[in-house]
Amino acid sequence: MQQESHQEESLEKKRRPFYREIIESVVIAVILAVVIRLLIIEPFYIPSGSMEPTLKEDDRIIVSKLNYRFQEPKRGDVIVFKYPLDPKRNFVKRLIAAGGETVAIRNSRLYINNEPVPEDYLPQGLRFADFGPEEVPAGSYFMLGDNRNNSDDSRVWGFLPENLIVGKAVVIYWPPGRLTAVH
């Protein structure tokens, strides 16, 4: 009796229309894609040169939305976030200082809590205006573009509230010749 019912189930599965299997597969694929994009990773396009030389205009990057669920953002991370003056827009900048730290720029040199900070990612010979000192409020970050002379960043719009962070830039995937981890 059990063998008969098992055979009937097997025949029923075989009789399912082909189009139904395709529809089920497509629905599952769409649900997985939405979940992955909302919770795990998301691709982003770089529209400007504000992060050169790290990220170039027209680069495409993968952003991990998981990193900051398990650890705090840290100085030097390249982060995608919702622009504080228009949260419908996404920006990408480098995290320079966190809440409680004092940031200053003197003679094109970055200082955090009056200590010079090495910035190996900046282009050689880059000169930019002095700033601060300013203390970053708790729950906020100070963000700068690597191309300091052409970057709309915390020097212009202020501190980034942590709730506007989308995720950490982890990989440049396009163009293929630039495939690399983001540092």
C-alpha atoms as a PDB file:
ATOM      1  CA  MET A   1       0.000   0.000   0.000  1.00  0.00           C
ATOM      2  CA  GLN A   2       2.761   2.416   0.895  1.00  0.00           C
ATOM      3  CA  GLN A   3       4.620   1.578  -2.264  1.00  0.00           C
ATOM      4  CA  GLU A   4       1.504   2.373  -4.327  1.00  0.00           C
ATOM      5  CA  SER A   5       1.062   5.798  -2.689  1.00  0.00           C
ATOM      6  CA  HIS A   6       4.724   6.574  -3.218  1.00  0.00           C
ATOM      7  CA  GLN A   7       4.401   5.658  -6.904  1.00  0.00           C
ATOM      8  CA  GLU A   8       1.300   7.838  -7.223  1.00  0.00           C
ATOM      9  CA  GLU A   9       3.164  10.813  -5.712  1.00  0.00           C
ATOM     10  CA  SER A  10       6.011  10.213  -8.098  1.00  0.00           C
ATOM     11  CA  LEU A  11       3.638  10.103 -11.080  1.00  0.00           C
ATOM     12  CA  GLU A  12       1.902  13.279  -9.866  1.00  0.00           C
ATOM     13  CA  LYS A  13       5.241  15.097  -9.774  1.00  0.00           C
ATOM     14  CA  LYS A  14       6.038  13.894 -13.270  1.00  0.00           C
ATOM     15  CA  ARG A  15       2.652  15.109 -14.522  1.00  0.00           C
ATOM     16  CA  ARG A  16       3.180  18.686 -13.289  1.00  0.00           C
ATOM     17  CA  PRO A  17       3.196  20.971 -16.289  1.00  0.00           C
ATOM     18  CA  PHE A  18       6.587  22.153 -17.478  1.00  0.00           C
ATOM     19  CA  TYR A  19       5.550  25.824 -17.377  1.00  0.00           C
ATOM     20  CA  ARG A  20       4.650  25.503 -13.678  1.00  0.00           C
ATOM     21  CA  GLU A  21       8.178  24.314 -12.853  1.00  0.00           C
ATOM     22  CA  ILE A  22       9.635  27.254 -14.771  1.00  0.00           C
ATOM     23  CA  ILE A  23       7.378  29.738 -12.957  1.00  0.00           C
ATOM     24  CA  GLU A  24       8.285  28.222  -9.566  1.00  0.00           C
ATOM     25  CA  SER A  25      12.004  28.418 -10.398  1.00  0.00           C
ATOM     26  CA  VAL A  26      11.734  32.048 -11.524  1.00  0.00           C
ATOM     27  CA  VAL A  27       9.768  33.035  -8.397  1.00  0.00           C
ATOM     28  CA  ILE A  28      12.351  31.386  -6.130  1.00  0.00           C
ATOM     29  CA  ALA A  29      15.208  33.062  -8.029  1.00  0.00           C
ATOM     30  CA  VAL A  30      13.553  36.496  -7.739  1.00  0.00           C
ATOM     31  CA  ILE A  31      12.918  36.044  -4.003  1.00  0.00           C
ATOM     32  CA  LEU A  32      16.534  34.993  -3.439  1.00  0.00           C
ATOM     33  CA  ALA A  33      17.834  37.945  -5.476  1.00  0.00           C
ATOM     34  CA  VAL A  34      15.708  40.413  -3.504  1.00  0.00           C
ATOM     35  CA  VAL A  35      16.788  38.938  -0.154  1.00  0.00           C
ATOM     36  CA  ILE A  36      20.462  38.972  -1.159  1.00  0.00           C
ATOM     37  CA  ARG A  37      20.263  42.555  -2.426  1.00  0.00           C
ATOM     38  CA  LEU A  38      18.350  43.850   0.603  1.00  0.00           C
ATOM     39  CA  LEU A  39      20.326  42.055   3.307  1.00  0.00           C
ATOM     40  CA  ILE A  40      23.707  40.821   2.077  1.00  0.00           C
ATOM     41  CA  ILE A  41      25.370  42.537  -0.908  1.00  0.00           C
ATOM     42  CA  GLU A  42      24.480  45.204  -3.424  1.00  0.00           C
ATOM     43  CA  PRO A  43      26.209  46.551  -6.534  1.00  0.00           C
ATOM     44  CA  PHE A  44      26.871  50.293  -6.827  1.00  0.00           C
ATOM     45  CA  TYR A  45      28.032  52.572  -9.620  1.00  0.00           C
ATOM     46  CA  ILE A  46      30.662  55.276  -9.008  1.00  0.00           C
ATOM     47  CA  PRO A  47      29.430  58.458 -10.775  1.00  0.00           C
ATOM     48  CA  SER A  48      32.296  60.847  -9.959  1.00  0.00           C
ATOM     49  CA  GLY A  49      36.017  61.070  -9.350  1.00  0.00           C
ATOM     50  CA  SER A  50      35.727  62.089  -5.674  1.00  0.00           C
ATOM     51  CA  MET A  51      37.372  58.842  -4.519  1.00  0.00           C
ATOM     52  CA  GLU A  52      40.228  58.736  -7.064  1.00  0.00           C
ATOM     53  CA  PRO A  53      42.630  57.020  -7.171  1.00  0.00           C
ATOM     54  CA  THR A  54      40.934  54.307  -5.042  1.00  0.00           C
ATOM     55  CA  LEU A  55      37.679  54.324  -7.028  1.00  0.00           C
ATOM     56  CA  LYS A  56      37.488  55.803 -10.494  1.00  0.00           C
ATOM     57  CA  GLU A  57      34.507  57.339 -12.253  1.00  0.00           C
ATOM     58  CA  ASP A  58      32.366  54.591 -13.856  1.00  0.00           C
ATOM     59  CA  ASP A  59      33.758  51.830 -11.599  1.00  0.00           C
ATOM     60  CA  ARG A  60      31.217  49.365 -10.284  1.00  0.00           C
ATOM     61  CA  ILE A  61      31.615  47.993  -6.790  1.00  0.00           C
ATOM     62  CA  ILE A  62      30.083  45.362  -4.538  1.00  0.00           C
ATOM     63  CA  VAL A  63      29.030  46.597  -1.111  1.00  0.00           C
ATOM     64  CA  SER A  64      28.668  44.231   1.840  1.00  0.00           C
ATOM     65  CA  LYS A  65      25.664  45.028   4.003  1.00  0.00           C
ATOM     66  CA  LEU A  66      26.674  42.351   6.521  1.00  0.00           C
ATOM     67  CA  ASN A  67      30.025  43.713   7.733  1.00  0.00           C
ATOM     68  CA  TYR A  68      28.598  46.362  10.036  1.00  0.00           C
ATOM     69  CA  ARG A  69      26.019  44.033  11.549  1.00  0.00           C
ATOM     70  CA  PHE A  70      28.883  42.187  13.246  1.00  0.00           C
ATOM     71  CA  GLN A  71      31.496  44.922  13.738  1.00  0.00           C
ATOM     72  CA  GLU A  72      31.764  48.690  13.950  1.00  0.00           C
ATOM     73  CA  PRO A  73      33.016  50.676  10.947  1.00  0.00           C
ATOM     74  CA  LYS A  74      36.654  51.613  11.387  1.00  0.00           C
ATOM     75  CA  ARG A  75      38.955  54.349  10.215  1.00  0.00           C
ATOM     76  CA  GLY A  76      40.008  53.817   6.618  1.00  0.00           C
ATOM     77  CA  ASP A  77      36.934  51.827   5.544  1.00  0.00           C
ATOM     78  CA  VAL A  78      35.408  52.887   2.228  1.00  0.00           C
ATOM     79  CA  ILE A  79      31.692  53.139   2.946  1.00  0.00           C
ATOM     80  CA  VAL A  80      28.524  53.629   0.904  1.00  0.00           C
ATOM     81  CA  PHE A  81      25.905  55.691   2.721  1.00  0.00           C
ATOM     82  CA  LYS A  82      22.773  57.708   2.170  1.00  0.00           C
ATOM     83  CA  TYR A  83      23.706  61.344   1.548  1.00  0.00           C
ATOM     84  CA  PRO A  84      22.633  63.293   4.680  1.00  0.00           C
ATOM     85  CA  LEU A  85      21.235  66.235   2.676  1.00  0.00           C
ATOM     86  CA  ASP A  86      19.227  63.970   0.327  1.00  0.00           C
ATOM     87  CA  PRO A  87      18.847  60.375   1.612  1.00  0.00           C
ATOM     88  CA  LYS A  88      17.542  59.221  -1.796  1.00  0.00           C
ATOM     89  CA  ARG A  89      21.124  59.566  -3.109  1.00  0.00           C
ATOM     90  CA  ASN A  90      24.020  57.258  -2.229  1.00  0.00           C
ATOM     91  CA  PHE A  91      27.544  58.506  -1.631  1.00  0.00           C
ATOM     92  CA  VAL A  92      30.822  56.666  -1.174  1.00  0.00           C
ATOM     93  CA  LYS A  93      33.629  58.091   0.975  1.00  0.00           C
ATOM     94  CA  ARG A  94      36.348  56.973   3.373  1.00  0.00           C
ATOM     95  CA  LEU A  95      35.679  56.908   7.113  1.00  0.00           C
ATOM     96  CA  ILE A  96      38.190  59.246   8.748  1.00  0.00           C
ATOM     97  CA  ALA A  97      37.017  59.665  12.353  1.00  0.00           C
ATOM     98  CA  ALA A  98      34.326  58.279  14.662  1.00  0.00           C
ATOM     99  CA  GLY A  99      32.280  59.753  17.505  1.00  0.00           C
ATOM    100  CA  GLY A 100      34.398  61.304  20.254  1.00  0.00           C
ATOM    101  CA  GLU A 101      37.450  61.831  18.032  1.00  0.00           C
ATOM    102  CA  THR A 102      38.703  65.281  17.032  1.00  0.00           C
ATOM    103  CA  VAL A 103      39.620  65.753  13.383  1.00  0.00           C
ATOM    104  CA  ALA A 104      41.766  68.497  11.862  1.00  0.00           C
ATOM    105  CA  ILE A 105      43.590  69.110   8.595  1.00  0.00           C
ATOM    106  CA  ARG A 106      46.676  71.331   8.635  1.00  0.00           C
ATOM    107  CA  ASN A 107      49.013  71.831   5.685  1.00  0.00           C
ATOM    108  CA  SER A 108      47.296  68.980   3.780  1.00  0.00           C
ATOM    109  CA  ARG A 109      47.965  66.588   6.666  1.00  0.00           C
ATOM    110  CA  LEU A 110      45.216  64.743   8.571  1.00  0.00           C
ATOM    111  CA  TYR A 111      45.246  64.773  12.379  1.00  0.00           C
ATOM    112  CA  ILE A 112      43.008  62.727  14.670  1.00  0.00           C
ATOM    113  CA  ASN A 113      43.168  63.775  18.338  1.00  0.00           C
ATOM    114  CA  ASN A 114      46.220  65.917  17.438  1.00  0.00           C
ATOM    115  CA  GLU A 115      48.125  62.879  16.104  1.00  0.00           C
ATOM    116  CA  PRO A 116      49.150  62.771  12.410  1.00  0.00           C
ATOM    117  CA  VAL A 117      47.447  59.973  10.453  1.00  0.00           C
ATOM    118  CA  PRO A 118      49.240  58.334   7.507  1.00  0.00           C
ATOM    119  CA  GLU A 119      47.096  58.238   4.362  1.00  0.00           C
ATOM    120  CA  ASP A 120      48.890  55.995   1.868  1.00  0.00           C
ATOM    121  CA  TYR A 121      45.795  55.908  -0.368  1.00  0.00           C
ATOM    122  CA  LEU A 122      46.001  59.632  -1.280  1.00  0.00           C
ATOM    123  CA  PRO A 123      47.607  60.749  -4.549  1.00  0.00           C
ATOM    124  CA  GLN A 124      51.161  62.026  -4.155  1.00  0.00           C
ATOM    125  CA  GLY A 125      51.503  65.802  -3.893  1.00  0.00           C
ATOM    126  CA  LEU A 126      47.803  66.433  -3.221  1.00  0.00           C
ATOM    127  CA  ARG A 127      47.266  69.813  -1.511  1.00  0.00           C
ATOM    128  CA  PHE A 128      43.964  70.705   0.158  1.00  0.00           C
ATOM    129  CA  ALA A 129      42.527  73.303   2.522  1.00  0.00           C
ATOM    130  CA  ASP A 130      42.848  73.321   6.296  1.00  0.00           C
ATOM    131  CA  PHE A 131      39.882  72.188   8.380  1.00  0.00           C
ATOM    132  CA  GLY A 132      38.905  72.089  12.048  1.00  0.00           C
ATOM    133  CA  PRO A 133      39.611  71.022  14.646  1.00  0.00           C
ATOM    134  CA  GLU A 134      36.099  69.566  15.060  1.00  0.00           C
ATOM    135  CA  GLU A 135      34.926  66.887  17.462  1.00  0.00           C
ATOM    136  CA  VAL A 136      32.794  64.155  15.884  1.00  0.00           C
ATOM    137  CA  PRO A 137      29.542  63.677  17.856  1.00  0.00           C
ATOM    138  CA  ALA A 138      28.703  60.258  19.314  1.00  0.00           C
ATOM    139  CA  GLY A 139      26.875  58.049  16.818  1.00  0.00           C
ATOM    140  CA  SER A 140      28.378  59.902  13.843  1.00  0.00           C
ATOM    141  CA  TYR A 141      31.355  59.706  11.493  1.00  0.00           C
ATOM    142  CA  PHE A 142      33.576  62.145   9.609  1.00  0.00           C
ATOM    143  CA  MET A 143      33.880  61.126   5.944  1.00  0.00           C
ATOM    144  CA  LEU A 144      36.303  62.348   3.263  1.00  0.00           C
ATOM    145  CA  GLY A 145      36.833  61.569  -0.397  1.00  0.00           C
ATOM    146  CA  ASP A 146      40.337  60.490  -1.412  1.00  0.00           C
ATOM    147  CA  ASN A 147      40.339  63.172  -4.120  1.00  0.00           C
ATOM    148  CA  ARG A 148      40.090  65.888  -1.467  1.00  0.00           C
ATOM    149  CA  ASN A 149      40.052  68.822  -3.898  1.00  0.00           C
ATOM    150  CA  ASN A 150      37.007  67.437  -5.740  1.00  0.00           C
ATOM    151  CA  SER A 151      34.918  65.845  -3.012  1.00  0.00           C
ATOM    152  CA  ASP A 152      31.606  66.839  -1.477  1.00  0.00           C
ATOM    153  CA  ASP A 153      32.222  65.347   1.976  1.00  0.00           C
ATOM    154  CA  SER A 154      31.959  66.006   5.733  1.00  0.00           C
ATOM    155  CA  ARG A 155      33.859  69.269   5.339  1.00  0.00           C
ATOM    156  CA  VAL A 156      30.832  70.509   3.348  1.00  0.00           C
ATOM    157  CA  TRP A 157      27.736  68.740   4.754  1.00  0.00           C
ATOM    158  CA  GLY A 158      28.853  67.812   8.266  1.00  0.00           C
ATOM    159  CA  PHE A 159      28.937  64.526  10.125  1.00  0.00           C
ATOM    160  CA  LEU A 160      27.403  61.266   8.919  1.00  0.00           C
ATOM    161  CA  PRO A 161      24.839  59.732  11.316  1.00  0.00           C
ATOM    162  CA  GLU A 162      25.517  55.995  11.653  1.00  0.00           C
ATOM    163  CA  ASN A 163      21.929  55.099  10.665  1.00  0.00           C
ATOM    164  CA  LEU A 164      22.635  56.320   7.091  1.00  0.00           C
ATOM    165  CA  ILE A 165      25.370  53.729   6.449  1.00  0.00           C
ATOM    166  CA  VAL A 166      24.463  51.230   3.702  1.00  0.00           C
ATOM    167  CA  GLY A 167      27.579  49.063   3.826  1.00  0.00           C
ATOM    168  CA  LYS A 168      31.277  48.567   3.227  1.00  0.00           C
ATOM    169  CA  ALA A 169      32.747  48.693  -0.287  1.00  0.00           C
ATOM    170  CA  VAL A 170      34.592  45.388  -0.708  1.00  0.00           C
ATOM    171  CA  VAL A 171      35.297  44.726  -4.414  1.00  0.00           C
ATOM    172  CA  ILE A 172      35.638  46.632  -7.667  1.00  0.00           C
ATOM    173  CA  TYR A 173      34.117  44.259 -10.235  1.00  0.00           C
ATOM    174  CA  TRP A 174      33.908  46.481 -13.329  1.00  0.00           C
ATOM    175  CA  PRO A 175      35.698  47.211 -15.549  1.00  0.00           C
ATOM    176  CA  PRO A 176      37.283  43.739 -15.558  1.00  0.00           C
ATOM    177  CA  GLY A 177      40.820  45.146 -15.679  1.00  0.00           C
ATOM    178  CA  ARG A 178      40.222  46.826 -12.305  1.00  0.00           C
ATOM    179  CA  LEU A 179      38.901  43.731 -10.503  1.00  0.00           C
ATOM    180  CA  THR A 180      40.341  44.112  -6.988  1.00  0.00           C
ATOM    181  CA  ALA A 181      39.491  44.437  -3.312  1.00  0.00           C
ATOM    182  CA  VAL A 182      38.734  47.955  -2.100  1.00  0.00           C
ATOM    183  CA  HIS A 183      41.269  49.290   0.427  1.00  0.00           C
END
